[in-house]
């Protein structure tokens, strides 16, 4: 690959990171707004069936945010291994990874998982109001499944940078 092609690839991938980062925040806000609308309308209608619709909006929004986050991190590790470690371009990805290793206490959650978890708990309110054991059990199981998904993605995201970095280094070393 010549220098112009490499530079173009690097710039395109940095632009992809920027665009997906922006899109992640937009999707989060949109999913919360749609969830809140369905939740409030569902409360006005008795809440029983809107509970699952609102839950699906939370799940879809979270999965979209998560997919964008994983993709951005993966592109970042690719750039780190194939460009920065080769000494060709600035060290943004290495610096960001080193910066992220130290707890900053800034409370930034790139998955917005705590907000999704809070919405998930709030989404259970109408379930308890129905007084129907089968519905409560079904809705509780669905909500618990999503809570588990949130936990698993947080754990994966915490370890993703190091794992992806190692995988890309192995790929580079293998030719």
C-alpha atoms as a PDB file:
ATOM      1  CA  UNK A   1       0.000   0.000   0.000  1.00  0.00           C
ATOM      2  CA  UNK A   2       1.482   3.358  -0.927  1.00  0.00           C
ATOM      3  CA  UNK A   3       1.611   6.379   1.355  1.00  0.00           C
ATOM      4  CA  UNK A   4      -1.362   8.151  -0.240  1.00  0.00           C
ATOM      5  CA  UNK A   5      -3.553   5.067   0.062  1.00  0.00           C
ATOM      6  CA  UNK A   6      -2.484   4.521   3.661  1.00  0.00           C
ATOM      7  CA  UNK A   7      -3.166   8.132   4.549  1.00  0.00           C
ATOM      8  CA  UNK A   8      -6.598   7.967   2.869  1.00  0.00           C
ATOM      9  CA  UNK A   9      -7.468   4.784   4.770  1.00  0.00           C
ATOM     10  CA  UNK A  10      -6.353   6.317   8.062  1.00  0.00           C
ATOM     11  CA  UNK A  11      -8.382   9.482   7.468  1.00  0.00           C
ATOM     12  CA  UNK A  12     -11.462   7.507   6.397  1.00  0.00           C
ATOM     13  CA  UNK A  13     -11.307   5.308   9.485  1.00  0.00           C
ATOM     14  CA  UNK A  14     -10.803   8.309  11.812  1.00  0.00           C
ATOM     15  CA  UNK A  15     -13.861   9.897  10.143  1.00  0.00           C
ATOM     16  CA  UNK A  16     -15.795   6.671  10.718  1.00  0.00           C
ATOM     17  CA  UNK A  17     -14.896   6.789  14.411  1.00  0.00           C
ATOM     18  CA  UNK A  18     -16.063  10.410  14.628  1.00  0.00           C
ATOM     19  CA  UNK A  19     -19.333   9.729  12.804  1.00  0.00           C
ATOM     20  CA  UNK A  20     -20.166   6.603  14.809  1.00  0.00           C
ATOM     21  CA  UNK A  21     -19.380   8.385  18.050  1.00  0.00           C
ATOM     22  CA  UNK A  22     -21.861  11.105  17.169  1.00  0.00           C
ATOM     23  CA  UNK A  23     -24.418   8.579  15.962  1.00  0.00           C
ATOM     24  CA  UNK A  24     -24.110   6.638  19.242  1.00  0.00           C
ATOM     25  CA  UNK A  25     -25.170   9.675  21.272  1.00  0.00           C
ATOM     26  CA  UNK A  26     -27.969  10.486  18.829  1.00  0.00           C
ATOM     27  CA  UNK A  27     -29.317   6.926  18.995  1.00  0.00           C
ATOM     28  CA  UNK A  28     -29.188   6.995  22.773  1.00  0.00           C
ATOM     29  CA  UNK A  29     -31.202  10.215  22.983  1.00  0.00           C
ATOM     30  CA  UNK A  30     -33.666   9.032  20.343  1.00  0.00           C
ATOM     31  CA  UNK A  31     -34.202   5.652  22.000  1.00  0.00           C
ATOM     32  CA  UNK A  32     -34.782   7.294  25.382  1.00  0.00           C
ATOM     33  CA  UNK A  33     -37.284   9.739  23.873  1.00  0.00           C
ATOM     34  CA  UNK A  34     -39.225   6.995  22.076  1.00  0.00           C
ATOM     35  CA  UNK A  35     -39.121   4.797  25.187  1.00  0.00           C
ATOM     36  CA  UNK A  36     -40.438   7.647  27.368  1.00  0.00           C
ATOM     37  CA  UNK A  37     -43.259   8.324  24.905  1.00  0.00           C
ATOM     38  CA  UNK A  38     -44.319   4.673  24.790  1.00  0.00           C
ATOM     39  CA  UNK A  39     -43.953   4.383  28.556  1.00  0.00           C
ATOM     40  CA  UNK A  40     -46.156   7.411  29.289  1.00  0.00           C
ATOM     41  CA  UNK A  41     -48.753   6.421  26.701  1.00  0.00           C
ATOM     42  CA  UNK A  42     -48.693   2.892  28.096  1.00  0.00           C
ATOM     43  CA  UNK A  43     -49.331   4.161  31.621  1.00  0.00           C
ATOM     44  CA  UNK A  44     -52.343   6.056  30.354  1.00  0.00           C
ATOM     45  CA  UNK A  45     -53.689   2.886  28.728  1.00  0.00           C
ATOM     46  CA  UNK A  46     -53.128   0.631  31.716  1.00  0.00           C
ATOM     47  CA  UNK A  47     -49.514  -0.230  30.899  1.00  0.00           C
ATOM     48  CA  UNK A  48     -49.883  -3.946  30.302  1.00  0.00           C
ATOM     49  CA  UNK A  49     -48.954  -4.312  26.661  1.00  0.00           C
ATOM     50  CA  UNK A  50     -46.954  -1.110  26.340  1.00  0.00           C
ATOM     51  CA  UNK A  51     -44.482  -2.597  28.812  1.00  0.00           C
ATOM     52  CA  UNK A  52     -43.130  -4.988  26.179  1.00  0.00           C
ATOM     53  CA  UNK A  53     -43.128  -2.340  23.441  1.00  0.00           C
ATOM     54  CA  UNK A  54     -41.211   0.044  25.660  1.00  0.00           C
ATOM     55  CA  UNK A  55     -38.815  -2.751  26.610  1.00  0.00           C
ATOM     56  CA  UNK A  56     -38.157  -3.501  22.940  1.00  0.00           C
ATOM     57  CA  UNK A  57     -37.293   0.155  22.329  1.00  0.00           C
ATOM     58  CA  UNK A  58     -34.804   0.011  25.216  1.00  0.00           C
ATOM     59  CA  UNK A  59     -33.281  -3.218  23.931  1.00  0.00           C
ATOM     60  CA  UNK A  60     -33.028  -1.959  20.334  1.00  0.00           C
ATOM     61  CA  UNK A  61     -31.523   1.355  21.412  1.00  0.00           C
ATOM     62  CA  UNK A  62     -29.005  -0.286  23.702  1.00  0.00           C
ATOM     63  CA  UNK A  63     -27.972  -2.860  21.101  1.00  0.00           C
ATOM     64  CA  UNK A  64     -27.457  -0.130  18.494  1.00  0.00           C
ATOM     65  CA  UNK A  65     -25.351   1.939  20.904  1.00  0.00           C
ATOM     66  CA  UNK A  66     -23.369  -1.161  21.862  1.00  0.00           C
ATOM     67  CA  UNK A  67     -22.715  -2.165  18.248  1.00  0.00           C
ATOM     68  CA  UNK A  68     -21.475   1.319  17.407  1.00  0.00           C
ATOM     69  CA  UNK A  69     -19.240   1.358  20.485  1.00  0.00           C
ATOM     70  CA  UNK A  70     -17.677  -2.031  19.727  1.00  0.00           C
ATOM     71  CA  UNK A  71     -17.082  -1.019  16.112  1.00  0.00           C
ATOM     72  CA  UNK A  72     -15.454   2.268  17.069  1.00  0.00           C
ATOM     73  CA  UNK A  73     -13.164   0.566  19.566  1.00  0.00           C
ATOM     74  CA  UNK A  74     -12.219  -2.107  17.051  1.00  0.00           C
ATOM     75  CA  UNK A  75     -11.352   0.449  14.380  1.00  0.00           C
ATOM     76  CA  UNK A  76      -9.305   2.311  16.962  1.00  0.00           C
ATOM     77  CA  UNK A  77      -7.257  -0.777  17.790  1.00  0.00           C
ATOM     78  CA  UNK A  78      -6.717  -1.452  14.077  1.00  0.00           C
ATOM     79  CA  UNK A  79      -5.383   2.071  13.616  1.00  0.00           C
ATOM     80  CA  UNK A  80      -3.236   1.709  16.705  1.00  0.00           C
ATOM     81  CA  UNK A  81      -1.556  -1.502  15.516  1.00  0.00           C
ATOM     82  CA  UNK A  82      -1.269  -0.929  11.784  1.00  0.00           C
ATOM     83  CA  UNK A  83      -0.548   2.807  11.783  1.00  0.00           C
ATOM     84  CA  UNK A  84       0.492   4.231  15.123  1.00  0.00           C
ATOM     85  CA  UNK A  85       2.751   1.435  16.314  1.00  0.00           C
ATOM     86  CA  UNK A  86       4.459   1.489  12.929  1.00  0.00           C
ATOM     87  CA  UNK A  87       5.296   5.141  13.632  1.00  0.00           C
ATOM     88  CA  UNK A  88       3.463   6.485  10.609  1.00  0.00           C
ATOM     89  CA  UNK A  89       0.872   8.744  12.196  1.00  0.00           C
ATOM     90  CA  UNK A  90      -0.062  10.523  15.429  1.00  0.00           C
ATOM     91  CA  UNK A  91      -0.553   8.436  18.558  1.00  0.00           C
ATOM     92  CA  UNK A  92      -4.180   9.302  19.303  1.00  0.00           C
ATOM     93  CA  UNK A  93      -5.349   5.707  19.815  1.00  0.00           C
ATOM     94  CA  UNK A  94      -2.380   4.716  21.990  1.00  0.00           C
ATOM     95  CA  UNK A  95      -2.828   7.855  24.044  1.00  0.00           C
ATOM     96  CA  UNK A  96      -6.573   7.304  24.431  1.00  0.00           C
ATOM     97  CA  UNK A  97      -6.001   3.704  25.495  1.00  0.00           C
ATOM     98  CA  UNK A  98      -3.349   4.706  28.047  1.00  0.00           C
ATOM     99  CA  UNK A  99      -5.586   7.498  29.325  1.00  0.00           C
ATOM    100  CA  UNK A 100      -8.501   5.090  29.722  1.00  0.00           C
ATOM    101  CA  UNK A 101      -6.479   2.669  31.872  1.00  0.00           C
ATOM    102  CA  UNK A 102      -6.449   5.058  34.804  1.00  0.00           C
ATOM    103  CA  UNK A 103      -9.733   5.564  36.634  1.00  0.00           C
ATOM    104  CA  UNK A 104     -10.732   9.167  36.080  1.00  0.00           C
ATOM    105  CA  UNK A 105     -13.880   9.269  38.147  1.00  0.00           C
ATOM    106  CA  UNK A 106     -15.544  11.295  35.400  1.00  0.00           C
ATOM    107  CA  UNK A 107     -18.556   8.978  35.298  1.00  0.00           C
ATOM    108  CA  UNK A 108     -18.590   8.705  31.518  1.00  0.00           C
ATOM    109  CA  UNK A 109     -20.321   5.536  30.371  1.00  0.00           C
ATOM    110  CA  UNK A 110     -19.934   5.113  26.592  1.00  0.00           C
ATOM    111  CA  UNK A 111     -22.742   2.543  26.547  1.00  0.00           C
ATOM    112  CA  UNK A 112     -25.119   4.687  28.628  1.00  0.00           C
ATOM    113  CA  UNK A 113     -25.749   1.431  30.463  1.00  0.00           C
ATOM    114  CA  UNK A 114     -26.690   2.998  33.794  1.00  0.00           C
ATOM    115  CA  UNK A 115     -29.346   5.145  32.124  1.00  0.00           C
ATOM    116  CA  UNK A 116     -30.694   2.133  30.221  1.00  0.00           C
ATOM    117  CA  UNK A 117     -30.739   0.140  33.473  1.00  0.00           C
ATOM    118  CA  UNK A 118     -32.628   2.930  35.248  1.00  0.00           C
ATOM    119  CA  UNK A 119     -35.173   3.066  32.427  1.00  0.00           C
ATOM    120  CA  UNK A 120     -35.449  -0.715  32.621  1.00  0.00           C
ATOM    121  CA  UNK A 121     -36.314  -0.540  36.318  1.00  0.00           C
ATOM    122  CA  UNK A 122     -38.816   2.242  35.726  1.00  0.00           C
ATOM    123  CA  UNK A 123     -40.320   0.184  32.918  1.00  0.00           C
ATOM    124  CA  UNK A 124     -41.225  -2.462  35.508  1.00  0.00           C
ATOM    125  CA  UNK A 125     -43.572  -0.120  37.405  1.00  0.00           C
ATOM    126  CA  UNK A 126     -46.658  -0.815  35.266  1.00  0.00           C
ATOM    127  CA  UNK A 127     -45.920  -4.549  35.447  1.00  0.00           C
ATOM    128  CA  UNK A 128     -46.376  -4.589  39.205  1.00  0.00           C
ATOM    129  CA  UNK A 129     -49.587  -2.605  38.925  1.00  0.00           C
ATOM    130  CA  UNK A 130     -51.339  -5.275  36.854  1.00  0.00           C
ATOM    131  CA  UNK A 131     -51.609  -7.775  39.695  1.00  0.00           C
ATOM    132  CA  UNK A 132     -51.563 -10.638  37.179  1.00  0.00           C
ATOM    133  CA  UNK A 133     -48.979 -13.251  38.220  1.00  0.00           C
ATOM    134  CA  UNK A 134     -48.389 -14.727  34.748  1.00  0.00           C
ATOM    135  CA  UNK A 135     -47.851 -11.286  33.229  1.00  0.00           C
ATOM    136  CA  UNK A 136     -45.594 -10.244  36.102  1.00  0.00           C
ATOM    137  CA  UNK A 137     -43.516 -13.399  35.689  1.00  0.00           C
ATOM    138  CA  UNK A 138     -43.206 -13.030  31.896  1.00  0.00           C
ATOM    139  CA  UNK A 139     -42.378  -9.338  32.044  1.00  0.00           C
ATOM    140  CA  UNK A 140     -39.994  -9.874  34.949  1.00  0.00           C
ATOM    141  CA  UNK A 141     -38.139 -12.575  33.019  1.00  0.00           C
ATOM    142  CA  UNK A 142     -37.858 -10.387  29.924  1.00  0.00           C
ATOM    143  CA  UNK A 143     -36.577  -7.461  31.965  1.00  0.00           C
ATOM    144  CA  UNK A 144     -34.122  -9.685  33.847  1.00  0.00           C
ATOM    145  CA  UNK A 145     -32.792 -10.963  30.522  1.00  0.00           C
ATOM    146  CA  UNK A 146     -32.113  -7.419  29.377  1.00  0.00           C
ATOM    147  CA  UNK A 147     -30.502  -6.539  32.714  1.00  0.00           C
ATOM    148  CA  UNK A 148     -28.167  -9.500  32.257  1.00  0.00           C
ATOM    149  CA  UNK A 149     -27.360  -8.331  28.729  1.00  0.00           C
ATOM    150  CA  UNK A 150     -26.458  -4.877  30.025  1.00  0.00           C
ATOM    151  CA  UNK A 151     -24.137  -6.402  32.621  1.00  0.00           C
ATOM    152  CA  UNK A 152     -22.454  -8.713  30.095  1.00  0.00           C
ATOM    153  CA  UNK A 153     -21.858  -5.887  27.612  1.00  0.00           C
ATOM    154  CA  UNK A 154     -20.328  -3.695  30.315  1.00  0.00           C
ATOM    155  CA  UNK A 155     -17.929  -6.486  31.224  1.00  0.00           C
ATOM    156  CA  UNK A 156     -17.044  -7.099  27.573  1.00  0.00           C
ATOM    157  CA  UNK A 157     -16.572  -3.396  26.844  1.00  0.00           C
ATOM    158  CA  UNK A 158     -14.234  -3.040  29.835  1.00  0.00           C
ATOM    159  CA  UNK A 159     -11.914  -5.700  28.416  1.00  0.00           C
ATOM    160  CA  UNK A 160     -12.430  -5.102  24.693  1.00  0.00           C
ATOM    161  CA  UNK A 161      -9.564  -2.696  24.032  1.00  0.00           C
ATOM    162  CA  UNK A 162      -6.904  -5.020  25.408  1.00  0.00           C
ATOM    163  CA  UNK A 163      -8.350  -8.097  23.696  1.00  0.00           C
ATOM    164  CA  UNK A 164      -8.755  -6.393  20.323  1.00  0.00           C
ATOM    165  CA  UNK A 165      -5.271  -4.913  20.567  1.00  0.00           C
ATOM    166  CA  UNK A 166      -3.785  -8.367  21.123  1.00  0.00           C
ATOM    167  CA  UNK A 167      -5.841  -9.864  18.266  1.00  0.00           C
ATOM    168  CA  UNK A 168      -4.723  -7.183  15.811  1.00  0.00           C
ATOM    169  CA  UNK A 169      -1.097  -7.583  16.873  1.00  0.00           C
ATOM    170  CA  UNK A 170      -1.337 -11.341  16.217  1.00  0.00           C
ATOM    171  CA  UNK A 171      -2.889 -10.649  12.806  1.00  0.00           C
ATOM    172  CA  UNK A 172      -0.150  -8.206  11.939  1.00  0.00           C
ATOM    173  CA  UNK A 173       2.584 -10.600  13.084  1.00  0.00           C
ATOM    174  CA  UNK A 174       1.099 -13.468  11.067  1.00  0.00           C
ATOM    175  CA  UNK A 175       1.296 -11.398   7.891  1.00  0.00           C
END
